[in-house]
Amino acid sequence: MARVSLGTYDDTLNLGRDGLLAMPQRDFWHPHMMWFGPSGIGTSRGLDGFVDVHQLPFRTAFPRDPKLPQPAGMGQHGGSHYVRIGDGRFSATGGWPSRHMLHQGGGWLGLPPTGRAITMRVMDFYSAEQGLIRENWVPIDLINVLLQLEVDVLARVRSQFARRG
């Protein structure tokens, strides 16, 4: 299998878990890496854990097809982290929004596909060890993402408190 980068990986080929594990990302992650996602997604250990806990469900829901142009006004598909800073073994990337995607697959956060174009506010904070990424913290504005998918988390919370009052 040809090795490709995250930005050129074609999710429509349906290579699944093995395809994601074969990408050259393994060359950049420490063997004992930890990935810390937001509440609702979780934390993982090692590249296998990262693929299983986050990457495969995410890319199934928001598949990238490098052959298709993006809908008007969506910007670049995938990442557009235009902020990059670093100091020693620590670095961070981000952008507001930093992701532009189509919600085409089901299962991510238990949601069915909506076909909606969304943006995502994401930051990545990294800690490196031996020249490899050892830890990656990824806050995602899930409340904003869910609102774009017509799930109003705050309205649901308000309705729960209204019932108690």
Protein backbone atom coordinates (compact mmCIF):
# COMPACT_ATOMS: atom_id res chain seq x y z
CA MET A 1 0.00 0.00 0.00
CA ALA A 2 1.36 3.42 -0.92
CA ARG A 3 2.03 5.67 2.04
CA VAL A 4 0.28 9.02 1.93
CA SER A 5 0.02 12.01 4.22
CA LEU A 6 -3.08 13.03 6.17
CA GLY A 7 -3.73 15.87 3.74
CA THR A 8 -3.79 13.65 0.66
CA TYR A 9 -5.40 10.55 2.18
CA ASP A 10 -8.54 9.56 0.25
CA ASP A 11 -11.19 8.27 2.67
CA THR A 12 -13.41 7.21 -0.26
CA LEU A 13 -11.03 4.29 -0.95
CA ASN A 14 -12.42 2.71 2.25
CA LEU A 15 -9.03 1.44 3.43
CA GLY A 16 -10.30 1.66 7.01
CA ARG A 17 -8.13 1.14 10.03
CA ASP A 18 -5.28 -0.53 8.11
CA GLY A 19 -5.11 2.36 5.65
CA LEU A 20 -4.86 4.91 8.45
CA LEU A 21 -2.19 2.89 10.26
CA ALA A 22 -0.16 2.63 7.03
CA MET A 23 0.11 6.40 6.62
CA PRO A 24 3.47 7.98 7.49
CA GLN A 25 2.01 9.46 10.69
CA ARG A 26 3.76 6.59 12.52
CA ASP A 27 7.06 8.30 11.63
CA PHE A 28 6.09 11.34 13.74
CA TRP A 29 4.40 9.82 16.79
CA HIS A 30 6.36 8.48 19.76
CA PRO A 31 5.64 4.75 20.34
CA HIS A 32 4.12 5.66 23.73
CA MET A 33 2.20 8.70 22.50
CA MET A 34 -0.91 9.93 24.27
CA TRP A 35 -3.75 11.74 22.52
CA PHE A 36 -6.12 13.77 24.68
CA GLY A 37 -9.36 14.69 22.94
CA PRO A 38 -12.33 16.62 24.26
CA SER A 39 -15.04 15.15 26.44
CA GLY A 40 -17.22 12.96 24.27
CA ILE A 41 -14.28 11.69 22.22
CA GLY A 42 -11.79 10.63 24.87
CA THR A 43 -8.14 9.82 25.37
CA SER A 44 -5.99 7.22 23.66
CA ARG A 45 -2.59 5.62 24.01
CA GLY A 46 -0.40 4.76 21.04
CA LEU A 47 -1.13 5.12 17.35
CA ASP A 48 -3.50 2.13 17.36
CA GLY A 49 -5.53 3.75 20.13
CA PHE A 50 -5.56 7.11 18.35
CA VAL A 51 -6.86 5.51 15.14
CA ASP A 52 -9.52 3.51 17.01
CA VAL A 53 -10.72 6.21 19.44
CA HIS A 54 -10.60 9.28 17.22
CA GLN A 55 -9.20 9.13 13.73
CA LEU A 56 -11.30 6.34 12.16
CA PRO A 57 -14.68 7.52 13.57
CA PHE A 58 -13.84 11.14 12.67
CA ARG A 59 -12.71 10.39 9.12
CA THR A 60 -15.73 8.12 8.60
CA ALA A 61 -18.04 11.00 9.55
CA PHE A 62 -16.06 13.64 7.65
CA PRO A 63 -14.44 11.76 4.74
CA ARG A 64 -11.95 13.51 2.57
CA ASP A 65 -12.13 13.02 -1.20
CA PRO A 66 -9.16 14.85 -2.74
CA LYS A 67 -10.75 14.60 -6.20
CA LEU A 68 -13.83 16.66 -5.30
CA PRO A 69 -13.90 20.46 -5.05
CA GLN A 70 -15.33 21.91 -1.87
CA PRO A 71 -18.76 23.54 -1.87
CA ALA A 72 -18.69 27.31 -2.40
CA GLY A 73 -17.75 29.22 0.72
CA MET A 74 -16.32 26.23 2.59
CA GLY A 75 -12.68 27.05 2.10
CA GLN A 76 -10.01 24.39 2.04
CA HIS A 77 -11.21 20.89 3.01
CA GLY A 78 -9.56 19.60 6.12
CA GLY A 79 -7.08 21.58 8.13
CA SER A 80 -6.27 25.22 7.81
CA HIS A 81 -4.27 25.67 10.97
CA TYR A 82 -2.70 29.02 10.21
CA VAL A 83 -1.35 29.69 13.71
CA ARG A 84 1.86 27.83 14.53
CA ILE A 85 4.00 28.55 17.57
CA GLY A 86 6.64 26.61 19.44
CA ASP A 87 9.15 26.80 22.25
CA GLY A 88 11.53 23.95 22.97
CA ARG A 89 9.66 20.67 23.11
CA PHE A 90 6.23 22.38 23.11
CA SER A 91 4.26 23.63 20.13
CA ALA A 92 0.72 24.57 19.17
CA THR A 93 -1.31 25.01 16.00
CA GLY A 94 -4.81 26.29 15.41
CA GLY A 95 -7.19 28.50 13.51
CA TRP A 96 -10.72 29.86 13.86
CA PRO A 97 -12.15 28.01 12.03
CA SER A 98 -9.41 25.52 11.39
CA ARG A 99 -11.42 22.74 9.76
CA HIS A 100 -13.93 22.83 6.87
CA MET A 101 -15.80 19.58 6.27
CA LEU A 102 -18.94 17.79 5.06
CA HIS A 103 -20.72 15.55 7.58
CA GLN A 104 -21.26 12.50 5.38
CA GLY A 105 -20.85 9.45 7.60
CA GLY A 106 -22.53 8.24 10.75
CA GLY A 107 -21.36 7.19 14.15
CA TRP A 108 -19.20 10.12 15.26
CA LEU A 109 -20.54 11.18 18.66
CA GLY A 110 -23.46 8.85 17.97
CA LEU A 111 -24.85 11.07 15.22
CA PRO A 112 -26.28 10.01 11.86
CA PRO A 113 -24.90 11.75 8.74
CA THR A 114 -26.50 15.12 7.99
CA GLY A 115 -24.82 16.11 4.71
CA ARG A 116 -24.13 19.53 6.23
CA ALA A 117 -21.05 21.63 5.52
CA ILE A 118 -19.53 22.66 8.83
CA THR A 119 -16.51 24.42 10.23
CA MET A 120 -14.65 23.33 13.33
CA ARG A 121 -12.65 25.32 15.85
CA VAL A 122 -9.66 23.18 16.78
CA MET A 123 -6.32 23.72 18.45
CA ASP A 124 -3.51 21.20 18.83
CA PHE A 125 -0.98 21.42 21.64
CA TYR A 126 2.06 19.14 21.37
CA SER A 127 4.85 17.92 23.57
CA ALA A 128 7.78 16.24 21.83
CA GLU A 129 10.25 13.67 23.13
CA GLN A 130 13.21 12.28 21.19
CA GLY A 131 12.10 14.36 18.19
CA LEU A 132 8.66 12.68 18.11
CA ILE A 133 5.22 13.78 19.29
CA ARG A 134 4.76 12.28 22.76
CA GLU A 135 1.53 14.05 23.80
CA ASN A 136 -1.17 15.85 21.82
CA TRP A 137 -3.99 17.79 23.51
CA VAL A 138 -6.85 18.69 21.17
CA PRO A 139 -9.62 20.97 22.44
CA ILE A 140 -12.48 21.10 19.94
CA ASP A 141 -15.45 23.44 20.28
CA LEU A 142 -17.93 20.56 20.22
CA ILE A 143 -20.84 22.74 21.32
CA ASN A 144 -20.39 24.82 18.16
CA VAL A 145 -19.95 21.71 15.95
CA LEU A 146 -23.09 20.10 17.38
CA LEU A 147 -25.07 23.32 16.89
CA GLN A 148 -24.12 23.25 13.19
CA LEU A 149 -25.45 19.67 13.11
CA GLU A 150 -28.73 20.86 14.68
CA VAL A 151 -27.98 19.53 18.16
CA ASP A 152 -28.38 22.40 20.63
CA VAL A 153 -26.61 21.12 23.75
CA LEU A 154 -27.28 24.27 25.77
CA ALA A 155 -31.03 24.18 25.00
CA ARG A 156 -31.10 20.57 26.19
CA VAL A 157 -29.36 21.52 29.42
CA ARG A 158 -31.75 24.45 29.97
CA SER A 159 -34.75 22.15 29.46
CA GLN A 160 -33.38 19.72 32.04
CA PHE A 161 -33.01 22.50 34.62
CA ALA A 162 -36.50 23.87 33.78
CA ARG A 163 -38.03 20.47 34.61
CA ARG A 164 -36.38 20.48 38.04
CA GLY A 165 -37.52 24.01 38.95
